[in-house]
Amino acid sequence: MKILELFFKSGEVTGLGLLAVIAIIAVIFAVIKMLGSSLGSGKKAAKKEAPKAEVVQAEQEPEPVPAAPAAQDDSELIAVLAAAVSAYCGEPVTKFRVVSFKHIK
């Protein structure tokens, strides 16, 4: 009889310990989720808005491009630039067009 009481008592202590650990993990998880949503939302909104404004501004005010020599074929470079801007903004390529670009030396 004494062994049976000891068995139930140890099960009770183990169960309470597991419940305490699970409760603490749940509290930590909730705190991390709240901090992540409050701190992460401002950064995402700022990153999404800035590139769109730059793309719209580039469409409205195109810079004059000096005439390129006929020997150069820039169609592949324009395609790469359009794909990079599309990936950065998260917009499809059909939403904008590359008007000009400058070679940096």
N, C-alpha and C. Protein backbone atom coordinates (compact mmCIF):
# COMPACT_ATOMS: atom_id res chain seq x y z
N MET A 1 0.80 -1.18 0.00
CA MET A 1 0.00 0.00 0.00
C MET A 1 0.86 1.26 0.00
N LYS A 2 1.95 1.23 0.72
CA LYS A 2 2.81 2.40 0.80
C LYS A 2 3.48 2.67 -0.56
N ILE A 3 3.82 1.62 -1.31
CA ILE A 3 4.44 1.80 -2.63
C ILE A 3 3.44 2.43 -3.59
N LEU A 4 2.19 2.03 -3.52
CA LEU A 4 1.15 2.59 -4.39
C LEU A 4 0.95 4.08 -4.11
N GLU A 5 0.95 4.49 -2.86
CA GLU A 5 0.82 5.90 -2.51
C GLU A 5 2.04 6.69 -3.00
N LEU A 6 3.20 6.12 -2.87
CA LEU A 6 4.43 6.77 -3.35
C LEU A 6 4.41 6.93 -4.87
N PHE A 7 3.88 5.91 -5.56
CA PHE A 7 3.78 5.96 -7.03
C PHE A 7 2.85 7.09 -7.47
N PHE A 8 1.68 7.21 -6.84
CA PHE A 8 0.73 8.26 -7.21
C PHE A 8 1.27 9.65 -6.86
N LYS A 9 1.96 9.74 -5.75
CA LYS A 9 2.53 11.03 -5.34
C LYS A 9 3.60 11.48 -6.35
N SER A 10 4.46 10.53 -6.79
CA SER A 10 5.49 10.89 -7.77
C SER A 10 4.87 11.24 -9.12
N GLY A 11 3.80 10.58 -9.48
CA GLY A 11 3.09 10.94 -10.73
C GLY A 11 2.48 12.32 -10.64
N GLU A 12 1.95 12.66 -9.48
CA GLU A 12 1.37 13.98 -9.28
C GLU A 12 2.44 15.07 -9.40
N VAL A 13 3.59 14.86 -8.78
CA VAL A 13 4.68 15.84 -8.84
C VAL A 13 5.19 15.98 -10.26
N THR A 14 5.35 14.85 -10.97
CA THR A 14 5.81 14.89 -12.36
C THR A 14 4.82 15.62 -13.25
N GLY A 15 3.55 15.36 -13.07
CA GLY A 15 2.51 16.03 -13.86
C GLY A 15 2.49 17.53 -13.63
N LEU A 16 2.59 17.94 -12.38
CA LEU A 16 2.62 19.38 -12.09
C LEU A 16 3.87 20.05 -12.65
N GLY A 17 4.99 19.33 -12.60
CA GLY A 17 6.21 19.88 -13.18
C GLY A 17 6.09 20.07 -14.69
N LEU A 18 5.51 19.07 -15.37
CA LEU A 18 5.32 19.19 -16.81
C LEU A 18 4.36 20.34 -17.16
N LEU A 19 3.30 20.48 -16.40
CA LEU A 19 2.37 21.59 -16.64
C LEU A 19 3.05 22.94 -16.44
N ALA A 20 3.90 23.05 -15.43
CA ALA A 20 4.60 24.31 -15.19
C ALA A 20 5.54 24.64 -16.34
N VAL A 21 6.26 23.63 -16.84
CA VAL A 21 7.19 23.87 -17.96
C VAL A 21 6.42 24.27 -19.21
N ILE A 22 5.32 23.58 -19.49
CA ILE A 22 4.52 23.92 -20.68
C ILE A 22 3.94 25.32 -20.56
N ALA A 23 3.49 25.71 -19.37
CA ALA A 23 2.95 27.06 -19.17
C ALA A 23 4.02 28.12 -19.39
N ILE A 24 5.22 27.89 -18.91
CA ILE A 24 6.30 28.86 -19.09
C ILE A 24 6.67 28.97 -20.58
N ILE A 25 6.73 27.85 -21.28
CA ILE A 25 7.03 27.88 -22.71
C ILE A 25 5.94 28.64 -23.46
N ALA A 26 4.68 28.45 -23.09
CA ALA A 26 3.58 29.17 -23.74
C ALA A 26 3.69 30.67 -23.52
N VAL A 27 4.06 31.08 -22.32
CA VAL A 27 4.22 32.51 -22.03
C VAL A 27 5.38 33.09 -22.84
N ILE A 28 6.49 32.38 -22.91
CA ILE A 28 7.63 32.85 -23.70
C ILE A 28 7.25 32.96 -25.17
N PHE A 29 6.53 31.98 -25.68
CA PHE A 29 6.09 32.00 -27.08
C PHE A 29 5.20 33.21 -27.36
N ALA A 30 4.25 33.48 -26.44
CA ALA A 30 3.35 34.62 -26.63
C ALA A 30 4.12 35.94 -26.61
N VAL A 31 5.09 36.07 -25.74
CA VAL A 31 5.88 37.31 -25.68
C VAL A 31 6.67 37.50 -26.96
N ILE A 32 7.28 36.43 -27.46
CA ILE A 32 8.05 36.52 -28.71
C ILE A 32 7.14 36.89 -29.87
N LYS A 33 5.96 36.30 -29.95
CA LYS A 33 5.02 36.63 -31.03
C LYS A 33 4.59 38.09 -30.97
N MET A 34 4.31 38.60 -29.77
CA MET A 34 3.89 40.00 -29.64
C MET A 34 5.03 40.94 -30.02
N LEU A 35 6.23 40.65 -29.57
CA LEU A 35 7.36 41.50 -29.92
C LEU A 35 7.65 41.43 -31.42
N GLY A 36 7.56 40.26 -31.99
CA GLY A 36 7.82 40.10 -33.41
C GLY A 36 6.81 40.85 -34.26
N SER A 37 5.55 40.80 -33.88
CA SER A 37 4.54 41.50 -34.67
C SER A 37 4.64 43.01 -34.50
N SER A 38 4.98 43.48 -33.31
CA SER A 38 5.05 44.93 -33.11
C SER A 38 6.33 45.51 -33.70
N LEU A 39 7.44 44.82 -33.61
CA LEU A 39 8.69 45.34 -34.14
C LEU A 39 8.84 45.07 -35.63
N GLY A 40 8.33 43.96 -36.10
CA GLY A 40 8.51 43.58 -37.51
C GLY A 40 7.59 44.30 -38.46
N SER A 41 6.42 44.73 -38.02
CA SER A 41 5.45 45.35 -38.93
C SER A 41 5.94 46.70 -39.44
N GLY A 42 6.61 47.47 -38.63
CA GLY A 42 7.11 48.78 -39.06
C GLY A 42 8.20 48.67 -40.11
N LYS A 43 9.06 47.69 -39.96
CA LYS A 43 10.14 47.51 -40.93
C LYS A 43 9.61 47.05 -42.27
N LYS A 44 8.65 46.14 -42.28
CA LYS A 44 8.11 45.63 -43.52
C LYS A 44 7.37 46.72 -44.28
N ALA A 45 6.60 47.54 -43.58
CA ALA A 45 5.85 48.60 -44.23
C ALA A 45 6.80 49.63 -44.84
N ALA A 46 7.87 49.97 -44.15
CA ALA A 46 8.81 50.95 -44.67
C ALA A 46 9.55 50.40 -45.88
N LYS A 47 9.91 49.13 -45.85
CA LYS A 47 10.62 48.54 -46.98
C LYS A 47 9.73 48.43 -48.20
N LYS A 48 8.45 48.13 -48.01
CA LYS A 48 7.56 47.97 -49.15
C LYS A 48 7.24 49.32 -49.80
N GLU A 49 7.08 50.37 -49.03
CA GLU A 49 6.67 51.65 -49.56
C GLU A 49 7.80 52.37 -50.31
N ALA A 50 9.01 52.30 -49.83
CA ALA A 50 10.11 53.03 -50.43
C ALA A 50 10.41 52.61 -51.86
N PRO A 51 10.52 51.33 -52.18
CA PRO A 51 10.82 50.96 -53.55
C PRO A 51 9.71 51.35 -54.52
N LYS A 52 8.45 51.25 -54.12
CA LYS A 52 7.36 51.61 -55.01
C LYS A 52 7.42 53.09 -55.37
N ALA A 53 7.76 53.92 -54.41
CA ALA A 53 7.84 55.35 -54.68
C ALA A 53 8.97 55.65 -55.66
N GLU A 54 10.08 54.95 -55.53
CA GLU A 54 11.20 55.18 -56.43
C GLU A 54 10.86 54.75 -57.84
N VAL A 55 10.17 53.64 -57.99
CA VAL A 55 9.81 53.14 -59.31
C VAL A 55 8.84 54.09 -59.98
N VAL A 56 7.85 54.57 -59.24
CA VAL A 56 6.88 55.50 -59.80
C VAL A 56 7.58 56.79 -60.20
N GLN A 57 8.50 57.26 -59.39
CA GLN A 57 9.22 58.48 -59.70
C GLN A 57 10.06 58.29 -60.96
N ALA A 58 10.66 57.14 -61.13
CA ALA A 58 11.47 56.89 -62.31
C ALA A 58 10.61 56.87 -63.56
N GLU A 59 9.37 56.41 -63.47
CA GLU A 59 8.48 56.40 -64.62
C GLU A 59 8.02 57.80 -64.98
N GLN A 60 7.82 58.65 -63.99
CA GLN A 60 7.31 59.98 -64.25
C GLN A 60 8.38 60.93 -64.77
N GLU A 61 9.61 60.78 -64.30
CA GLU A 61 10.68 61.68 -64.69
C GLU A 61 11.85 60.89 -65.27
N PRO A 62 11.74 60.45 -66.51
CA PRO A 62 12.85 59.69 -67.09
C PRO A 62 14.05 60.60 -67.38
N GLU A 63 15.23 60.08 -67.11
CA GLU A 63 16.44 60.84 -67.37
C GLU A 63 16.85 60.62 -68.83
N PRO A 64 17.37 61.66 -69.47
CA PRO A 64 17.83 61.46 -70.85
C PRO A 64 19.04 60.52 -70.88
N VAL A 65 19.03 59.64 -71.84
CA VAL A 65 20.10 58.66 -71.97
C VAL A 65 20.94 59.03 -73.18
N PRO A 66 22.26 59.10 -73.00
CA PRO A 66 23.09 59.36 -74.15
C PRO A 66 23.00 58.19 -75.13
N ALA A 67 23.12 58.49 -76.38
CA ALA A 67 23.00 57.46 -77.41
C ALA A 67 24.11 56.43 -77.24
N ALA A 68 23.71 55.18 -77.16
CA ALA A 68 24.67 54.10 -77.01
C ALA A 68 25.17 53.69 -78.39
N PRO A 69 26.41 53.22 -78.47
CA PRO A 69 26.91 52.75 -79.76
C PRO A 69 26.07 51.59 -80.27
N ALA A 70 25.96 51.47 -81.57
CA ALA A 70 25.12 50.44 -82.17
C ALA A 70 25.69 49.05 -81.93
N ALA A 71 26.98 48.94 -81.61
CA ALA A 71 27.61 47.65 -81.43
C ALA A 71 27.14 46.96 -80.14
N GLN A 72 26.68 47.74 -79.14
CA GLN A 72 26.26 47.15 -77.87
C GLN A 72 24.79 46.75 -77.93
N ASP A 73 24.50 45.57 -77.43
CA ASP A 73 23.12 45.11 -77.34
C ASP A 73 22.76 45.04 -75.87
N ASP A 74 21.94 45.98 -75.40
CA ASP A 74 21.61 46.09 -73.99
C ASP A 74 20.30 45.39 -73.63
N SER A 75 19.70 44.64 -74.52
CA SER A 75 18.41 44.02 -74.22
C SER A 75 18.53 43.00 -73.09
N GLU A 76 19.63 42.26 -73.03
CA GLU A 76 19.81 41.30 -71.95
C GLU A 76 20.01 42.02 -70.62
N LEU A 77 20.75 43.12 -70.62
CA LEU A 77 20.96 43.90 -69.41
C LEU A 77 19.65 44.52 -68.93
N ILE A 78 18.84 45.00 -69.84
CA ILE A 78 17.55 45.57 -69.47
C ILE A 78 16.65 44.50 -68.86
N ALA A 79 16.68 43.30 -69.42
CA ALA A 79 15.88 42.20 -68.86
C ALA A 79 16.33 41.86 -67.44
N VAL A 80 17.63 41.85 -67.22
CA VAL A 80 18.15 41.56 -65.88
C VAL A 80 17.76 42.67 -64.90
N LEU A 81 17.86 43.91 -65.31
CA LEU A 81 17.48 45.03 -64.45
C LEU A 81 15.98 44.97 -64.11
N ALA A 82 15.15 44.68 -65.10
CA ALA A 82 13.71 44.59 -64.86
C ALA A 82 13.39 43.45 -63.89
N ALA A 83 14.08 42.33 -64.04
CA ALA A 83 13.85 41.20 -63.13
C ALA A 83 14.29 41.54 -61.71
N ALA A 84 15.40 42.25 -61.58
CA ALA A 84 15.89 42.62 -60.24
C ALA A 84 14.94 43.60 -59.56
N VAL A 85 14.47 44.59 -60.29
CA VAL A 85 13.52 45.56 -59.70
C VAL A 85 12.21 44.86 -59.35
N SER A 86 11.77 43.95 -60.19
CA SER A 86 10.55 43.20 -59.93
C SER A 86 10.68 42.35 -58.67
N ALA A 87 11.81 41.69 -58.50
CA ALA A 87 12.02 40.87 -57.32
C ALA A 87 12.12 41.74 -56.06
N TYR A 88 12.72 42.90 -56.16
CA TYR A 88 12.87 43.79 -55.00
C TYR A 88 11.53 44.38 -54.57
N CYS A 89 10.72 44.78 -55.54
CA CYS A 89 9.44 45.42 -55.21
C CYS A 89 8.33 44.42 -54.95
N GLY A 90 8.46 43.23 -55.46
CA GLY A 90 7.39 42.26 -55.33
C GLY A 90 6.26 42.49 -56.32
N GLU A 91 6.50 43.26 -57.33
CA GLU A 91 5.51 43.56 -58.37
C GLU A 91 5.86 42.77 -59.62
N PRO A 92 4.86 42.46 -60.45
CA PRO A 92 5.18 41.80 -61.72
C PRO A 92 5.92 42.75 -62.66
N VAL A 93 6.64 42.19 -63.60
CA VAL A 93 7.45 42.99 -64.52
C VAL A 93 6.57 43.88 -65.39
N THR A 94 5.32 43.50 -65.60
CA THR A 94 4.43 44.28 -66.46
C THR A 94 3.96 45.58 -65.81
N LYS A 95 4.22 45.77 -64.50
CA LYS A 95 3.78 46.99 -63.81
C LYS A 95 4.69 48.19 -64.07
N PHE A 96 5.86 47.97 -64.60
CA PHE A 96 6.79 49.08 -64.84
C PHE A 96 7.65 48.74 -66.06
N ARG A 97 8.43 49.72 -66.48
CA ARG A 97 9.37 49.48 -67.57
C ARG A 97 10.67 50.22 -67.29
N VAL A 98 11.75 49.68 -67.76
CA VAL A 98 13.06 50.29 -67.57
C VAL A 98 13.20 51.37 -68.64
N VAL A 99 13.30 52.61 -68.18
CA VAL A 99 13.38 53.73 -69.12
C VAL A 99 14.83 54.05 -69.43
N SER A 100 15.68 54.02 -68.40
CA SER A 100 17.08 54.35 -68.63
C SER A 100 17.92 53.70 -67.55
N PHE A 101 19.20 53.62 -67.83
CA PHE A 101 20.15 53.13 -66.84
C PHE A 101 21.50 53.69 -67.20
N LYS A 102 22.39 53.73 -66.22
CA LYS A 102 23.74 54.25 -66.42
C LYS A 102 24.74 53.18 -66.07
N HIS A 103 25.76 53.04 -66.88
CA HIS A 103 26.85 52.13 -66.56
C HIS A 103 27.77 52.80 -65.55
N ILE A 104 28.07 52.13 -64.45
CA ILE A 104 28.97 52.67 -63.44
C ILE A 104 30.35 52.08 -63.68
N LYS A 105 31.31 52.97 -63.78
CA LYS A 105 32.67 52.50 -64.05
C LYS A 105 33.54 52.66 -62.85
